[in-house]
Protein backbone atom coordinates (compact mmCIF):
# COMPACT_ATOMS: atom_id res chain seq x y z
CA MET A 1 -36.89 32.94 4.51
CA GLN A 2 -39.93 35.06 3.75
CA SER A 3 -39.90 36.84 0.49
CA LEU A 4 -38.43 40.32 0.63
CA THR A 5 -40.97 41.63 -1.68
CA LEU A 6 -43.19 43.06 1.13
CA PRO A 7 -40.59 44.76 3.34
CA LEU A 8 -38.88 46.24 0.19
CA LEU A 9 -42.24 47.60 -1.12
CA VAL A 10 -43.01 49.15 2.23
CA ILE A 11 -39.48 50.71 2.42
CA LEU A 12 -39.98 51.99 -1.11
CA GLY A 13 -43.41 53.48 -0.23
CA LEU A 14 -42.39 55.10 3.03
CA THR A 15 -39.26 56.61 1.45
CA ILE A 16 -41.27 58.27 -1.52
CA THR A 17 -44.08 59.40 0.97
CA GLY A 18 -41.56 60.70 3.40
CA TYR A 19 -39.83 62.81 0.83
CA PHE A 20 -42.78 64.72 -0.16
CA LEU A 21 -44.16 64.84 3.50
CA ALA A 22 -40.91 66.03 4.99
CA LYS A 23 -40.92 68.91 2.51
CA THR A 24 -44.49 69.99 3.13
CA ARG A 25 -43.89 69.65 6.95
CA ALA A 26 -40.78 71.81 6.98
CA LEU A 27 -42.77 74.45 5.13
CA GLN A 28 -45.61 74.18 7.52
CA VAL A 29 -43.21 74.51 10.50
CA ALA A 30 -41.64 77.66 9.08
CA GLY A 31 -45.05 79.22 8.26
CA GLY A 32 -44.46 79.28 4.59
CA ASP A 33 -41.39 81.44 5.12
CA ILE A 34 -38.40 79.27 3.98
CA ARG A 35 -35.96 81.84 5.64
CA LYS A 36 -36.99 80.67 9.02
CA LEU A 37 -35.39 77.13 8.59
CA VAL A 38 -31.85 76.30 9.36
CA SER A 39 -32.00 73.62 6.71
CA LEU A 40 -33.62 73.72 3.41
CA PRO A 41 -36.94 71.53 2.87
CA LYS A 42 -35.03 69.19 0.41
CA GLN A 43 -32.38 68.60 3.20
CA HIS A 44 -35.24 67.66 5.70
CA ALA A 45 -36.67 65.40 2.79
CA LEU A 46 -33.30 63.69 2.31
CA ASN A 47 -32.79 63.10 6.02
CA THR A 48 -36.38 61.55 6.06
CA VAL A 49 -35.49 59.28 3.13
CA LEU A 50 -32.21 58.22 4.68
CA ALA A 51 -33.56 57.62 8.18
CA THR A 52 -36.26 55.42 6.63
CA ALA A 53 -34.34 53.30 4.22
CA ILE A 54 -30.99 52.70 5.91
CA PRO A 55 -31.85 50.92 9.08
CA PRO A 56 -34.14 48.39 7.59
CA LEU A 57 -31.77 47.87 4.48
CA ALA A 58 -28.94 47.23 6.87
CA ALA A 59 -31.15 44.89 8.90
CA ILE A 60 -31.83 42.90 5.70
CA VAL A 61 -28.04 42.60 4.91
CA LEU A 62 -27.30 41.39 8.52
CA PHE A 63 -30.08 38.83 8.27
CA SER A 64 -28.94 37.68 4.84
CA LEU A 65 -25.55 37.12 6.34
CA TYR A 66 -27.03 35.05 9.05
CA ARG A 67 -29.76 33.31 6.97
CA ARG A 68 -30.17 30.21 9.11
CA LEU A 69 -30.55 32.40 12.20
CA ALA A 70 -33.23 34.24 10.52
CA GLU A 71 -35.06 31.05 9.49
CA ALA A 72 -34.79 29.71 12.82
CA GLU A 73 -36.41 32.81 14.35
CA GLY A 74 -39.12 32.77 11.92
CA SER A 75 -39.69 34.58 8.58
CA TRP A 76 -42.54 36.71 9.74
CA LEU A 77 -40.55 38.01 12.67
CA PHE A 78 -37.84 39.08 10.25
CA THR A 79 -40.55 40.81 8.13
CA LEU A 80 -42.00 42.70 11.20
CA VAL A 81 -38.47 43.85 12.28
CA VAL A 82 -37.76 45.29 9.03
CA ILE A 83 -41.04 47.06 8.60
CA ALA A 84 -40.95 48.31 12.20
CA LEU A 85 -37.44 49.92 11.64
CA ALA A 86 -38.76 51.55 8.40
CA VAL A 87 -41.84 52.96 10.15
CA THR A 88 -39.66 54.18 13.14
CA GLY A 89 -37.23 55.96 11.11
CA PHE A 90 -39.92 57.37 9.09
CA ALA A 91 -41.99 58.73 12.12
CA LEU A 92 -38.94 60.01 14.19
CA SER A 93 -37.55 62.04 11.24
CA LEU A 94 -40.96 63.67 10.57
CA ILE A 95 -41.54 64.51 14.18
CA GLY A 96 -37.90 65.97 14.59
CA ILE A 97 -38.62 68.56 11.85
CA LYS A 98 -38.25 72.01 13.30
CA THR A 99 -37.11 75.45 12.34
CA GLU A 100 -33.80 74.97 14.20
CA SER A 101 -33.30 71.29 13.07
CA ARG A 102 -29.93 70.73 11.21
CA ALA A 103 -31.17 68.25 8.87
CA ARG A 104 -27.99 68.63 6.67
CA THR A 105 -25.90 67.60 9.43
CA PHE A 106 -28.26 64.52 10.20
CA ALA A 107 -28.33 63.57 6.69
CA GLU A 108 -24.53 63.63 6.46
CA ARG A 109 -24.14 61.51 9.47
CA TRP A 110 -26.65 58.97 7.94
CA ILE A 111 -24.44 58.91 4.75
CA MET A 112 -21.34 58.51 6.78
CA GLY A 113 -22.81 55.46 8.73
CA LEU A 114 -23.68 54.13 5.45
CA LEU A 115 -20.16 54.53 4.31
CA ILE A 116 -18.72 52.95 7.45
CA PHE A 117 -21.28 50.16 7.06
CA ALA A 118 -20.21 49.41 3.48
CA SER A 119 -16.39 49.57 4.36
CA THR A 120 -17.13 47.20 7.40
CA ILE A 121 -18.89 44.67 4.97
CA ALA A 122 -16.00 44.75 2.72
CA ILE A 123 -13.31 44.25 5.56
CA MET A 124 -15.47 41.37 7.08
CA THR A 125 -15.80 39.80 3.82
CA THR A 126 -12.07 39.63 3.51
CA VAL A 127 -11.57 38.41 6.84
CA GLY A 128 -14.34 35.68 6.20
CA ILE A 129 -12.47 34.55 3.13
CA VAL A 130 -9.11 34.24 4.86
CA PHE A 131 -10.62 32.50 8.07
CA SER A 132 -12.47 29.98 5.65
CA MET A 133 -9.27 29.10 4.00
CA LEU A 134 -7.60 28.87 7.34
CA PHE A 135 -10.09 26.54 8.95
CA GLU A 136 -10.10 24.15 5.75
CA THR A 137 -6.33 24.23 5.62
CA PHE A 138 -6.15 23.14 9.28
CA ASN A 139 -8.56 20.24 8.34
CA PHE A 140 -6.23 19.20 5.51
CA PHE A 141 -3.20 19.45 7.72
CA GLU A 142 -4.95 17.09 10.28
CA GLN A 143 -5.04 14.47 7.48
CA TYR A 144 -1.74 15.23 5.59
CA ASP A 145 1.55 15.84 6.98
CA TRP A 146 2.75 19.57 6.34
CA ARG A 147 6.10 18.75 5.78
CA ASP A 148 5.27 16.41 2.93
CA PHE A 149 2.96 19.34 1.53
CA PHE A 150 5.79 22.03 1.64
CA PHE A 151 8.79 19.99 0.91
CA SER A 152 7.83 17.10 -1.44
CA ALA A 153 8.69 17.32 -5.12
CA ASN A 154 5.92 14.92 -6.05
CA TRP A 155 2.29 15.95 -7.20
CA SER A 156 0.16 12.87 -7.71
CA PRO A 157 -3.47 13.21 -6.23
CA ASN A 158 -5.25 9.95 -5.99
CA PHE A 159 -8.93 10.11 -4.52
CA ARG A 160 -8.57 6.21 -3.71
CA GLY A 161 -5.84 7.15 -1.13
CA ASN A 162 -1.98 7.26 -1.15
CA SER A 163 -1.79 10.66 -2.69
CA ASP A 164 1.37 12.69 -3.04
CA LEU A 165 0.35 16.32 -2.60
CA GLY A 166 3.71 18.29 -2.76
CA ILE A 167 3.41 21.97 -3.68
CA LEU A 168 7.06 22.56 -4.84
CA PRO A 169 6.39 21.45 -8.59
CA LEU A 170 3.16 23.64 -8.66
CA LEU A 171 5.03 26.74 -7.09
CA TRP A 172 7.97 26.16 -9.71
CA GLY A 173 5.62 26.14 -12.53
CA THR A 174 3.78 29.24 -11.18
CA LEU A 175 6.91 31.31 -10.71
CA TYR A 176 8.57 30.10 -13.85
CA ILE A 177 5.60 31.12 -16.14
CA SER A 178 5.24 34.37 -14.18
CA PHE A 179 8.91 35.20 -14.61
CA ILE A 180 8.81 34.62 -18.41
CA ALA A 181 5.55 36.62 -18.51
CA LEU A 182 7.14 39.60 -16.65
CA THR A 183 10.43 39.37 -18.69
CA PHE A 184 8.49 39.87 -21.70
CA ALA A 185 6.03 42.43 -20.44
CA VAL A 186 8.08 44.79 -18.11
CA PRO A 187 10.45 46.04 -20.77
CA ILE A 188 7.96 46.30 -23.52
CA GLY A 189 5.42 48.18 -21.06
CA LEU A 190 8.00 50.47 -19.61
CA PHE A 191 9.42 51.39 -22.85
CA ALA A 192 6.00 52.04 -24.15
CA ALA A 193 5.09 54.11 -21.16
CA ILE A 194 8.30 56.27 -21.63
CA TYR A 195 7.59 56.85 -25.28
CA LEU A 196 3.96 57.85 -24.71
CA SER A 197 4.80 60.15 -21.88
CA GLU A 198 8.10 61.72 -23.16
CA TYR A 199 8.30 61.56 -26.91
CA ALA A 200 5.00 60.80 -28.51
CA SER A 201 2.89 63.70 -29.90
CA SER A 202 -0.60 64.35 -28.59
CA ARG A 203 -2.04 62.77 -31.63
CA MET A 204 0.05 59.70 -31.49
CA ARG A 205 -0.73 59.39 -27.78
CA SER A 206 -4.35 59.67 -28.22
CA VAL A 207 -4.37 56.64 -30.62
CA ALA A 208 -1.63 54.51 -29.14
CA LYS A 209 -2.59 54.60 -25.41
CA PRO A 210 -6.21 53.38 -26.03
CA ALA A 211 -4.90 50.71 -28.37
CA ILE A 212 -2.62 49.45 -25.70
CA GLU A 213 -5.19 49.45 -22.99
CA ILE A 214 -7.46 47.32 -25.28
CA LEU A 215 -5.33 44.45 -24.52
CA ALA A 216 -6.42 44.63 -20.82
CA GLY A 217 -9.97 44.32 -21.94
CA ILE A 218 -9.71 40.98 -23.79
CA PRO A 219 -11.00 38.00 -21.77
CA THR A 220 -8.29 35.64 -20.75
CA ILE A 221 -10.06 32.60 -22.45
CA VAL A 222 -9.43 34.44 -25.64
CA TYR A 223 -5.60 34.80 -24.76
CA GLY A 224 -5.73 31.06 -24.02
CA LEU A 225 -7.14 30.05 -27.30
CA PHE A 226 -4.53 32.25 -28.88
CA ALA A 227 -1.88 30.42 -26.99
CA LEU A 228 -3.22 27.18 -27.88
CA VAL A 229 -3.80 27.64 -31.67
CA THR A 230 -1.27 30.13 -32.70
CA VAL A 231 1.73 30.77 -30.20
CA GLY A 232 2.11 27.14 -29.04
CA PRO A 233 2.34 25.36 -32.63
CA PHE A 234 4.64 28.25 -33.73
CA LEU A 235 7.05 27.90 -30.86
CA ARG A 236 6.96 24.05 -31.31
CA ASP A 237 7.60 24.10 -35.09
CA TYR A 238 10.30 26.91 -35.20
CA PHE A 239 12.01 26.67 -31.84
CA ALA A 240 11.37 23.60 -29.78
CA SER A 241 11.43 20.76 -32.37
CA PRO A 242 14.53 22.07 -34.29
CA MET A 243 16.49 22.61 -31.09
CA GLY A 244 15.34 19.20 -29.70
CA LEU A 245 13.73 20.62 -26.63
CA GLY A 246 10.21 19.16 -26.92
CA GLN A 247 7.35 18.37 -29.30
CA SER A 248 4.43 19.75 -27.42
CA ALA A 249 2.59 22.86 -28.20
CA SER A 250 1.69 23.36 -24.44
CA SER A 251 4.70 24.81 -22.77
CA VAL A 252 5.92 27.15 -20.06
CA MET A 253 7.18 29.54 -22.91
CA THR A 254 3.84 29.51 -24.65
CA ALA A 255 1.97 30.53 -21.49
CA GLY A 256 4.62 32.85 -20.40
CA LEU A 257 4.66 34.86 -23.67
CA VAL A 258 0.90 35.12 -24.04
CA MET A 259 0.60 36.13 -20.37
CA GLY A 260 3.30 38.67 -20.96
CA ILE A 261 1.01 40.30 -23.84
CA MET A 262 -1.79 40.36 -21.40
CA LEU A 263 0.22 42.24 -18.73
CA ILE A 264 1.63 44.85 -21.08
CA PRO A 265 -1.18 47.29 -20.48
CA PHE A 266 -0.92 46.81 -16.65
CA VAL A 267 2.74 47.95 -16.73
CA SER A 268 2.30 50.48 -19.44
CA SER A 269 -0.62 52.41 -18.51
CA LEU A 270 0.15 52.68 -14.69
CA SER A 271 3.84 53.45 -15.54
CA ASP A 272 2.65 56.21 -18.12
CA ASP A 273 0.42 57.89 -15.51
CA ILE A 274 3.15 57.76 -12.99
CA ILE A 275 5.82 59.18 -15.31
CA ASN A 276 3.43 62.12 -16.22
CA ALA A 277 2.94 62.79 -12.52
CA VAL A 278 6.73 63.64 -12.31
CA PRO A 279 6.84 67.62 -11.83
CA GLN A 280 7.98 69.40 -15.15
CA ALA A 281 10.41 71.52 -12.89
CA MET A 282 12.56 68.47 -12.49
CA ARG A 283 12.90 67.97 -16.32
CA ASP A 284 13.63 71.67 -16.60
CA GLY A 285 16.19 71.77 -14.02
CA SER A 286 17.87 68.95 -15.75
CA PHE A 287 17.77 70.42 -19.12
CA GLY A 288 19.08 73.71 -17.59
CA LEU A 289 22.26 71.67 -16.40
CA GLY A 290 22.89 70.67 -19.91
CA ALA A 291 21.39 67.05 -19.84
CA THR A 292 19.94 65.52 -22.92
CA LYS A 293 16.41 64.27 -23.10
CA SER A 294 17.52 60.62 -22.75
CA GLU A 295 19.78 61.51 -19.89
CA THR A 296 16.99 63.30 -18.18
CA ILE A 297 14.65 60.41 -18.45
CA ARG A 298 17.21 57.92 -17.35
CA GLN A 299 18.66 59.89 -14.44
CA VAL A 300 15.76 62.07 -13.25
CA VAL A 301 12.27 60.95 -14.52
CA ILE A 302 12.74 57.26 -14.00
CA PRO A 303 14.19 57.53 -10.51
CA ALA A 304 11.49 59.88 -9.35
CA ALA A 305 8.85 57.63 -10.76
CA LEU A 306 10.41 54.42 -9.60
CA PRO A 307 8.12 53.76 -6.54
CA GLY A 308 4.87 53.77 -8.83
CA ILE A 309 6.83 51.73 -11.56
CA VAL A 310 7.75 49.06 -8.92
CA GLY A 311 4.09 49.17 -7.69
CA ALA A 312 2.79 48.65 -11.34
CA ILE A 313 5.32 45.77 -11.84
CA LEU A 314 4.34 44.01 -8.71
CA LEU A 315 0.64 44.49 -9.53
CA ALA A 316 1.40 42.75 -12.94
CA ALA A 317 3.29 40.10 -10.98
CA SER A 318 0.12 39.34 -8.68
CA ARG A 319 -2.05 39.23 -11.81
CA ALA A 320 0.34 36.78 -13.42
CA ILE A 321 0.55 34.60 -10.25
CA GLY A 322 -3.32 34.32 -10.13
CA GLU A 323 -3.81 33.61 -13.85
CA THR A 324 -5.67 30.39 -14.69
CA MET A 325 -7.09 30.12 -18.35
CA ILE A 326 -4.05 30.96 -20.12
CA VAL A 327 -1.87 28.49 -18.15
CA VAL A 328 -4.73 25.64 -18.77
CA LEU A 329 -4.77 26.17 -22.54
CA GLY A 330 -1.04 27.25 -23.05
CA ALA A 331 1.15 25.39 -20.55
CA GLY A 332 -0.79 22.00 -19.96
CA ALA A 333 -1.39 20.34 -16.58
CA ALA A 334 1.76 18.50 -15.92
CA ALA A 335 3.29 19.06 -12.41
CA ARG A 336 7.01 18.67 -12.90
CA LEU A 337 10.36 20.48 -11.88
CA SER A 338 12.25 21.28 -15.02
CA LEU A 339 14.25 24.16 -16.51
CA ASN A 340 13.20 23.39 -19.99
CA PRO A 341 10.92 26.24 -21.05
CA PHE A 342 9.35 24.12 -23.88
CA GLU A 343 7.87 21.32 -21.62
CA ALA A 344 4.38 21.50 -20.25
CA MET A 345 3.97 22.55 -16.71
CA THR A 346 1.11 23.87 -14.54
CA THR A 347 0.53 26.39 -11.63
CA VAL A 348 -1.18 26.52 -8.29
CA THR A 349 -4.25 28.13 -9.61
CA VAL A 350 -4.91 25.37 -12.21
CA LYS A 351 -4.58 22.60 -9.62
CA ILE A 352 -6.94 24.54 -7.25
CA VAL A 353 -9.52 24.39 -9.94
CA SER A 354 -9.07 20.88 -10.84
CA GLN A 355 -9.09 19.59 -7.23
CA LEU A 356 -12.56 21.27 -6.54
CA THR A 357 -14.16 20.15 -9.68
CA GLY A 358 -16.13 16.93 -10.37
CA ASP A 359 -17.97 14.64 -8.04
CA THR A 360 -15.32 14.34 -5.29
CA ASP A 361 -15.47 13.78 -1.56
CA PHE A 362 -15.05 17.35 -0.03
CA ALA A 363 -13.66 15.96 3.23
CA SER A 364 -10.92 14.07 1.65
CA PRO A 365 -7.30 15.61 1.68
CA GLU A 366 -7.32 15.54 -2.08
CA THR A 367 -9.97 18.08 -1.98
CA LEU A 368 -9.09 19.99 0.97
CA VAL A 369 -5.57 20.48 -0.58
CA ALA A 370 -7.06 23.20 -2.67
CA PHE A 371 -7.53 25.37 0.39
CA ALA A 372 -3.98 24.88 1.41
CA LEU A 373 -2.86 25.88 -2.14
CA GLY A 374 -5.09 28.92 -2.06
CA LEU A 375 -3.66 30.08 1.24
CA THR A 376 -0.07 29.74 0.15
CA LEU A 377 -1.05 31.84 -2.81
CA PHE A 378 -2.58 34.35 -0.67
CA VAL A 379 0.54 34.66 1.40
CA ILE A 380 2.81 34.95 -1.68
CA THR A 381 0.56 37.89 -3.19
CA LEU A 382 0.46 39.59 0.35
CA GLY A 383 4.14 39.32 0.49
CA LEU A 384 4.48 40.91 -2.86
CA ASN A 385 2.24 43.85 -1.81
CA VAL A 386 4.14 44.32 1.49
CA PHE A 387 7.44 44.45 -0.49
CA ALA A 388 5.83 46.94 -2.96
CA LEU A 389 4.79 49.33 -0.05
CA PHE A 390 8.33 49.06 1.24
CA ILE A 391 9.85 50.05 -1.93
CA VAL A 392 7.28 52.85 -2.26
CA ARG A 393 7.84 54.32 1.14
CA LYS A 394 11.68 54.18 0.85
CA TYR A 395 12.12 55.87 -2.45
CA ARG A 396 9.10 58.42 -1.90
CA GLU A 397 11.01 59.65 1.16
CA GLN A 398 14.01 60.23 -0.98
CA TYR A 399 12.31 62.36 -3.49
CA GLU A 400 9.95 64.41 -1.31
């Protein structure tokens, strides 16, 4: 495609010129008396800028989405269309400047159109992602039996053929590690939120809350290294080996505990904000009936904040299910069905990465299985979100 430099320079030049010309023309139309204008000169200028810039920029985005079509039609045609849209918007907006023109309304319509366009792009991107996974998943199931994929307990990909691509050991590892992570993160995060919102002084809260939220900003690769170097050897030397449960530093427990540390701020911060949103009148009413502070928290505050707390927990669960780096470094890459938390296992996300990396045949079932795994993971997280919405609506009606 022809370079975008020329059309972008034209758009920039016209918008800057249009801004000053529109202000000047608005004053000329009013005969120098700004009181005769329904809209201020700067509002006419804003309308000209938006009318000049939005249509050609929208065209550039659309052409970028259909790059092959744009190349087929010719790069110069694309450039001429973009420039023509900018010039047309520039001219029409200047011609339309009159004393009775409601430029503010026109500008707001342009902004609304821009917001709708942005929302549409976001929605269509999501739809495109889903359909791309669907099409490649269908291609996979044309080459591999879906019953073997969903119900087989063996995962043994072989790019030379005769692969076993059962998802069950991957799902088991994903759910097992996520369960350990949530078992560790939810109580600590919830108790921290209760302390910060109900017991901590303002000074303590101003220090403790940011300190907890720092955990959310640490890169997951750092957590993975922490699991590999510190947590894994510690669990192996002091728990797994003495108990005869394993000799590997990579295990479900290692990845689960480190992932739980990462999830603490997700539960804590969201739950803290939700608990603080509970009306003070509910607490005062409970105190007036003779309840203690702990009874008020347990019987009034937590039930009232339960929808939001459940949402925070399910958000953390979705984050745990989609984690990759901590699992790679902390839990290993072995696909197996086992209840021993000190054995190495793997998750769906890790195998998606491994199947799509390297010099592999993209049309082979061993590669296409990554899309089936991704679609399965998408359905699971979607189910979690739907369940969270159900819980929120059910309990919100009770307390409103």
